């Protein structure tokens, strides 16, 4: 997919998905080398919790930051941080990407840790 088509899909998704303080938006950004996840309260415009492959907890356990194994660790870490902040349910925002590969691995890992979406 080209960058412009991803941006179009992102805009279309964000028109329907809004995060609140009770049910924030779990936004995923995937680059070629890293994956980032953050919980966003769109009403206040603030990031509540974030996690990525750049975190020392994640990067120290990995050989490569651009595979499904890295996404699973980021998904587990973001779910643990959410549960510590008393957030159990979120709205999932795949960032214009297909629900496949690293995005799916992150989402499944977060669900297994107790996050609901």
Protein backbone atom coordinates (compact mmCIF):
# COMPACT_ATOMS: atom_id res chain seq x y z
CA UNK A 1 0.00 0.00 0.00
CA UNK A 2 1.16 3.48 -0.72
CA UNK A 3 1.47 6.15 1.93
CA UNK A 4 -1.46 8.15 0.54
CA UNK A 5 -3.82 5.17 0.63
CA UNK A 6 -2.86 4.44 4.24
CA UNK A 7 -3.53 8.08 5.14
CA UNK A 8 -6.99 7.89 3.51
CA UNK A 9 -7.84 4.75 5.46
CA UNK A 10 -6.57 6.37 8.67
CA UNK A 11 -8.84 9.38 8.19
CA UNK A 12 -11.83 7.13 7.49
CA UNK A 13 -11.16 5.06 10.62
CA UNK A 14 -10.66 8.11 12.87
CA UNK A 15 -14.04 9.54 11.85
CA UNK A 16 -15.73 6.54 13.45
CA UNK A 17 -13.36 5.72 16.32
CA UNK A 18 -13.03 8.08 19.27
CA UNK A 19 -11.35 7.32 22.56
CA UNK A 20 -12.70 8.55 25.88
CA UNK A 21 -11.25 8.42 29.37
CA UNK A 22 -13.43 5.37 30.17
CA UNK A 23 -12.64 3.61 26.87
CA UNK A 24 -9.48 5.06 25.30
CA UNK A 25 -8.20 4.38 21.79
CA UNK A 26 -5.36 1.86 21.41
CA UNK A 27 -3.46 3.32 18.47
CA UNK A 28 -0.85 1.22 16.66
CA UNK A 29 1.90 2.58 14.43
CA UNK A 30 4.10 0.18 12.51
CA UNK A 31 7.26 1.23 10.73
CA UNK A 32 9.68 -1.03 8.91
CA UNK A 33 11.90 -1.38 11.97
CA UNK A 34 9.71 -0.74 15.04
CA UNK A 35 6.15 -0.94 16.33
CA UNK A 36 4.53 1.56 18.69
CA UNK A 37 1.33 1.31 20.75
CA UNK A 38 -0.30 4.07 22.76
CA UNK A 39 -3.54 4.63 24.62
CA UNK A 40 -5.09 7.96 23.72
CA UNK A 41 -7.93 9.91 25.31
CA UNK A 42 -9.26 11.86 22.30
CA UNK A 43 -11.54 14.05 24.42
CA UNK A 44 -8.61 15.51 26.38
CA UNK A 45 -6.07 14.95 23.59
CA UNK A 46 -3.65 13.15 25.90
CA UNK A 47 -1.67 9.93 25.75
CA UNK A 48 -2.37 7.80 28.81
CA UNK A 49 0.14 4.96 28.36
CA UNK A 50 2.58 4.00 25.63
CA UNK A 51 4.91 1.18 24.72
CA UNK A 52 7.18 0.39 21.79
CA UNK A 53 10.11 -1.71 20.69
CA UNK A 54 12.32 1.22 21.73
CA UNK A 55 11.54 0.53 25.42
CA UNK A 56 14.51 -1.02 27.21
CA UNK A 57 12.29 -3.77 28.66
CA UNK A 58 11.42 -4.92 25.15
CA UNK A 59 14.58 -4.22 23.17
CA UNK A 60 16.83 -6.04 25.65
CA UNK A 61 14.94 -9.31 25.04
CA UNK A 62 15.03 -9.17 21.23
CA UNK A 63 17.40 -9.80 18.37
CA UNK A 64 15.18 -7.96 15.88
CA UNK A 65 12.57 -5.28 16.54
CA UNK A 66 10.74 -5.78 13.25
CA UNK A 67 9.08 -9.17 13.68
CA UNK A 68 6.00 -10.72 15.29
CA UNK A 69 7.96 -11.70 18.41
CA UNK A 70 8.66 -8.01 19.09
CA UNK A 71 5.00 -7.15 18.51
CA UNK A 72 3.92 -9.79 21.00
CA UNK A 73 6.18 -8.32 23.68
CA UNK A 74 4.88 -4.79 23.01
CA UNK A 75 1.28 -6.06 23.19
CA UNK A 76 1.92 -7.76 26.52
CA UNK A 77 3.65 -4.68 27.93
CA UNK A 78 0.92 -2.24 26.84
CA UNK A 79 -1.76 -4.53 28.34
CA UNK A 80 0.07 -4.71 31.67
CA UNK A 81 0.43 -0.92 31.75
CA UNK A 82 -3.28 -0.52 30.96
CA UNK A 83 -4.33 -2.88 33.72
CA UNK A 84 -2.09 -1.01 36.18
CA UNK A 85 -3.90 2.20 35.17
CA UNK A 86 -7.29 0.46 35.77
CA UNK A 87 -8.20 0.40 32.08
CA UNK A 88 -9.79 -2.85 30.94
CA UNK A 89 -11.59 -1.97 27.70
CA UNK A 90 -10.22 -0.02 24.74
CA UNK A 91 -11.11 0.85 21.16
CA UNK A 92 -8.61 -0.68 18.71
CA UNK A 93 -7.13 1.55 16.00
CA UNK A 94 -4.97 -0.40 13.56
CA UNK A 95 -3.53 2.78 12.05
CA UNK A 96 -4.71 2.24 8.49
CA UNK A 97 -2.86 -1.06 8.17
CA UNK A 98 -4.39 -4.48 7.55
CA UNK A 99 -5.25 -6.58 10.59
CA UNK A 100 -2.52 -9.06 9.74
CA UNK A 101 1.01 -10.01 10.76
CA UNK A 102 2.59 -7.75 13.38
CA UNK A 103 -0.61 -5.77 14.02
CA UNK A 104 -2.57 -8.98 14.68
CA UNK A 105 0.21 -10.39 16.87
CA UNK A 106 0.19 -7.26 19.05
CA UNK A 107 -3.61 -7.30 19.38
CA UNK A 108 -3.75 -11.00 20.25
CA UNK A 109 -1.03 -10.62 22.88
CA UNK A 110 -2.85 -7.68 24.47
CA UNK A 111 -6.10 -9.69 24.57
CA UNK A 112 -4.34 -12.65 26.20
CA UNK A 113 -3.04 -10.36 28.96
CA UNK A 114 -6.60 -9.27 29.79
CA UNK A 115 -7.32 -6.21 27.65
CA UNK A 116 -10.78 -6.21 26.04
CA UNK A 117 -11.60 -4.82 22.59
